[in-house]
């Protein structure tokens, strides 16, 4: 159901500019290692605690998948920015479906998303970008909703 909801996203040219890569339980250790290696590459002086915190991100939710944007050459030649809007809509649809099913969700990202350990682990090709991870599970406690801006702060008329 979650991935069917994603397919309802607007997709100019019907090129499906996204893909989702599930991270099953038996591959979480490999992801944890990629997170630790990425941090160590960025900061050779990272403490053992910081490395463990980076690795912990691989185990935070029972459902974990990577969102990949396909931004390389496409036919028809839809602009990358328009494809990213479609990727975001697919993710939003998936999140809304998970919420409707009673689950809690979050998106996570960070600097590791563009580094070789993660790119290599997920087999990202030319023109593919790791966008974020989708985390789904039973929410133990909700984060307080931040203040939402007034529409007048971002809506204008021509």
Foldseek 3Di string as FASTA:
>chain_A
DLQVLLVPFDDVVPFLQKDKAWQAPVNLQLVLVLQLVLVCVVPVPDDPVRSVVSSCVSPDARTKIWMKGQQPADVVRDHSVVSVSSSVRSVVSSCVVLVVVPKDKDKADDDSQPDDSVCVVVVPDPRMGTDTMMGIDHDPDDDDDDDDDDVVVPDDDD
